[in-house]
Amino acid sequence: MKKIILLLVLYLSLVGEVWAQTLTVSGRVTSGTDGSALPGVTVLQRGTSNGTTTGSNGEFNLTVPTNATLVFSFIGMATQEIPVNGRSTINVTLRADEKQLSEVVVTGYGTQLKQELTGNIARVSGDEIANIPTPTLESTLQGRAAGVYINQGSGKLGSGLNIRVRGSSSVSASNQPLYVVDGIPVTSADLGSANAEPLNPIADINPNDIESIEILKDASAAAIYGSRASNGVVLITTKSGKAGKTNVNFNYYTGFSKATRIRKFLNSQQYIELFTEAAENEGYDAAEEFEGNGLDINSTYNQEWWEEPFRTGSVSQYEVTLNGGTEKTRFYINTNYNTQDGIIIGNEFDRASGRFNLDHSINDRFRVGTNISLIRTLNQRVSDDNAFSNPVQLNALPPIQPKIDPATGELNRNTLYYNNLIDQTDGFNEATTHRTISNAFLEFDILKNLTFRTEHGIDYLNLKEELYLGRNTEDGGPTGYGYQNQLTSTNYNTNNTLTFNTLLNDIHKLELLGGFSYQRSRTDAGSVEGRGFPNDNFKKIASAARITSGSTTGTGYNFASYFARANYVLKERYLFSGSVRVDGSSRFGEGNRYGTFPAASVGWIINQEPFLGGVNTVSFLKLRASYGLTGNAEIGNFAPLALYEANFYADQAGIILTTLPNKDLQWEKTTQFDVGLDYGLFDDRITGEIDYYVKNTNDLLLNLPIPGYNGFTIITKNLGKLENKGIEFVINSRNLVGAFEWTTNFNISRNRNKVTDLNGSTIFGGSRFVGQIRENEPMGVFWGPKYAGVDPQNGDALYYVKAGSNETTNDYSLAEDQKIGDPNPEFLGGITNNFSFKGFDLGILMQFVQGNDLYNVAGFFQSVNADYFDNQTTDQLDRWQNPGDITDVPQARLYAGNGAGKSSRWVQDGSFLRINYVNLGYNIPKDLIGRLKLASAKIYLQATNLATFTDYEGYDPEVNTTYFGRSNITLGHDFYTPPLAKTFTIGINIGL
C-alpha cells in the first residue's frame, strides 16, 4: 500500500511539473502593410503538428510548452518564428513577402487572403477615396474597378446613380447592386415621393469612414448572398481602432465648383434673324407671329438665359477623428460635417455624421464590438428634368425677353415659358434624412478552431420631404401650394455563423462556414398637401385653407436565409471553394418563396509548382474558374398578389382590384461562368488579373404590357432571357521605386449585353424616347427612323426608307424604324498614376467610356431649326438656305416640322475621356512640425472632373435623364439634364 501511495505521489508530481511547463498562448496577428487583422494565419508549434489558425479578427489561442517556438505562416507574408519564453500573450505583425501578393479582402461573412480567392472581387481602399469632394461615395469608385460602370446621371447633388456590375441583369427589376455595410444589407433604393428625381440613400454614408470597399462580381464571390446578388454585391467595411496611442486627426478642405460645360444658345440678333427667316419660309408675317407668342421682334434685350441656371458652387468639410486603444480594447471615433452649394441654383447638400466603432476582447475566447453611426442630411432639391420649373429649361426662353420686368422691377412673369427663377425665390423643396446604420456583435471561440459569431444590425431611416410653392410660382399660384411627406424605414438584420478552421499535416487548410440570416424591413409613410395660404410667409400645411389630399401607407418584406461555404487549400497551391444559400422571401407566393443558389470554384497557384521554381520573372501566377447561380428579388413587395384599393362614390366606400395576381411568380435567376488569371511579374513590380465571364439571366421579372380592354395595362411575369459576356483586364505596376516613386493602375473592361428572349414581345419607351427592349438586341437599344441629312436642292429633311438601304425620303411616315444607336458602352476603364518624391505626392485618375450612344430628347425643342419659338443651339445657324448648300440642318420652317420627328438626328457618340481626379499633396517635414507637438501635417490641392474630352454636344456625356424616373428603357437619354461639376479644393490634414 505504501508503494502504491509513493508511486501515486510521484506520478502526480510529474504531472504537475508537466502542466507547469505548458501554457495557453493567445494573441493577435496583423498586417504590417496597414495594421489590419489577418485571418487564416497558420500558428504552429515548431517541430510538431500542434497548431491552429487565426480567426476573423486575427486572434488565436494555442496550448504549448513554455519553451516552445511558434511558427507564423501566411501565403504572401514572410514566415516568422517566435520563442514563447513563458509568455502568455504574443502579438505578431507579419510583413509582406515581396515575392508574393499580400492583400486581404473582405468576403461575405468573413475575410480571405487574395491569393487564396477563387472568385473575382475588386477592392478599393478607403485611402483612395478619402477627402474627394463629392456627396456620395459611389462616384469616387469611377474608373477604379474593372467591370463596374458608374453613371452619375446629372450634376444634381444627392441624386441617385446608375451602377452596373458586369452589365444589366434585369429588365424590370432593379439592376443596382446589394449594399452591405459592416454586415448589414442597407436601404439603397429611393424612398422619396416629392420628385421623380431619385434620392440616393447611399449619400448618407461618410466616405472618410470607410476602410475598404469590396465589389463581389462573379457568382463564386457573390452567391453567398443568394437571391440578392445577381447585380453584384458592394461590401463596405468601416474603419476600426488599432492598438496603440490615441491618434487625433483633424481634416479640413474648402473649395468651389463650376459646371463642366455650359451650352451656347442664340443671342438676340441671331434669334430674330433665324425665326424671321423661319416664319417667312412658311409664308407668315414674322412680326405677327412674334407678337402672337408675346414676343417683341424689335426688342433690344439680350438676356443670356442659358447662363442663369448655373452658379459658382462651394464645398467645405470639417472632420475630427480619434483612433487608438489597447490590445484588449480598440476604438474609432469620427465626426464629420460636409456642406455643398451646387452648381445649379437652389441645389444644396449638407451632411453631418458621427461614428463610434469599438472592439473589445473580454478574454481569450470572448470578443464583442459595436459600430454606431448617426447621420443627418439635408438636400435642397431642384425640379425634375421634364418640369418647366427645372432651372436648365430656362435655356428655352428667347433672349429678347428680359429676366427682370422693367415695369415692376421683379422677376419677369411675362416670358414665353415659365420663368422658373421665381421657384428659387418663392419656393423650396427640402428632403431631410435622419439615419443610423449600426450593429453589434459577439464572437465566442467554442473550441480553438471553432468560432461562433452573432451580429445584429439596424438601418433606421427617417425621411421628411417638405415642398412649398408660393403664389407667384406656376404650380403654386394663385394661393400657394404645400406638400409634406414623412417616411420611416426600419431595416433589421441578424447574422449568425459558425466558422471552423484547421490545418492538417501542414498541407491541408480547411475553412467551413455555416450560418443563418434574417432580415425584416418595414416602411411607413404619411403625406398631406394643401392649398390656400394667407401669404408666402405661411409655409406649413397647418396654414392651408384646404387640405386637398392626404395618405398613409405601409409596406414591408422579410428574408430568411441559410448558407454554407467551404474553402480548402491543398499544399498552398490547389484551391477549392463551394457555397450554397437558401433564401426565402415574402415577395413571392407560398409555392415559390424559397430559392437555392449554389456556386463552386477552383484555383491553381501555378508558381508554387516545382516546374516554375527557376522562373524568376514569374513571382505569382494563379488560374481560377467559377460557376454559380444568383438571384434577383428586387420587385414590388406584393407582386404575386391581387391588390385592391379603396374607391369612393359620394359618401360610400368600396374597393376595386388594381393589380392582377400571378401566383406562379418566382425568382429571377442568373448563372455566371468566370475564368481568370492573376499574375505577378518581376518580384511583383507588375501585377494584375484577366477575366472572361458569361452571365445568363432566365425567368426575367418582367413588367409586361397587356391589352387595356380589361382595365389593366401591366402584369409582372417571369418571361424572357438576358445575356452578358465580357472580359476584364487589370494591370498594376511599380514603375519607379526609391526616392522617386511612380506607380500605375490600369483597368479596362468590355461587356456586351443582349436580350435573347422576350417571347416575341417588345417594350417601348414612350412617344419621345427611342429606347426599347427588343429580342436579340442590347438593353435599351435606340430604335426609330434613321436621319439621312438634308436635300441640298430644297432643304428638306431626309430619312432612310429601310434599314441597309440608301434610298431616302422626305416623308417621315415612310421611314422604317431601325436600330439607330446603343446606350451601352463597348469599353470602360480608368488609369491612375501616383508619384511621390521628398514629401510631395501627386495622384491622377483618368476615366474613360467608349462606344455608347446618347439621345438628346431636348433636341426636339432646342435644336430643331426654329420649328418652335424655343431658343435654339448655335449649331442651328448652319441651316440650309440656298440650293446647293451642304449641311445636316434642314431649312428653318416655323411650325412645319421639317426634320422634327424623333430619329437618329439627335443620336450622338457618348464616348469620353475625363480627368476625373487630381491631387497634389505635401507632407510637412517632422523637424518643422515637431516644435508644434504635431505628429503629421499635410496640405493638398485637388480637382475633380478637371477636363472632359468628348464629341458629345450636350452639357455632359455622363448623362441619364430622370424624365419620368429612370429605367432600362431610357438609358442614355438627355432631357435638359444638368452637367456634372468640376470642383477645386484646398485642404489640410493634421495629426496629433
Foldseek 3Di string as FASTA:
>chain_A
DVVVVVVVVVVVVVVVVQVVQKDKAKEFEAEPVPRAGDWQKWKDFPPDQQTATAHQRRMFIGMDGQQTWIWTDDVQWDIDIGGNNNPRYDYYYTYGDLLGDFDWDAFQPGIDTPQQDQFDKFKDFLVQQPPDPALASVVSCFQPGWQWDWFQFFAFHQFDIDIFRQDAFFFPFDLDAFEAEPRAGADAWFPDDPALGGGGPRSQDRSNQFGMKMWGRACQRQCLVFARDPRIYIYTYGDWAHADDKWKKKKKKKWKWFFQFQFFFDWLVRLLVLQCQQQVVFPHRSCVVCVVLVHHSPFPFTARLSQVQFDMKMKMKIKMWIHHHHSFKTKIKMWMWIWMDTRGQQWIKIKTKIWIKMWGDPDSFKIKIKIKMKMKMKTWGFHALPDLLHSLLSLQWHRSDDQADPVPRHGDCSTSGGPNVLCSVQKTKMKMKIWMWMKMKMWGCPDSFKIKMKMKIKIKMKIKIKIKGFQSGPVQHNAIKIKIKIKIKIKIKMKIKMWGWDQPPNFKTKIKMKIKMKIKMKMKMKMWMAGHAPGSVDHDPVRGPDTPDMDIDMDIKMKIKIKMKMWIGGRNFKIKIKMKMWIAMLQAAPVARIDMKIKIKIKGFVCVDPVNVPVQFWSTKMKMKMKIKHWHDRDDSHQQDFDKDWDDDDHDIDIDTDADHHNPQHIWMKMKIKIKMWTAGDSNQKTWMKMKMKIKIFQHQDFDADDCPVPDGTHTGRFFMKMKIKMKIWMKHFPDDDQKTKIKIKMKMFMDIFTAGGPQDKAADDQLAQFIHDHGHGFRFGKAWAWDFAQLAAQFTWTDQDPPDPDIDSDRVNGHIDGQFAQDFGMWHKMWMWIDHDQKIKIWMKIWTFDHKAAESQCLSAVQSAQDSGTHRPVSVLERDHRPRGDRHGHNHHVPCRVNHDHSSRMDTLIKMFRAKMKMKGKDDCVVCVVVVFPTKMKMKMKGRPHMDDPRSDSHSSHFGSPVHGGSNRRRYHRSRHGHMMIIMIMMMTMD
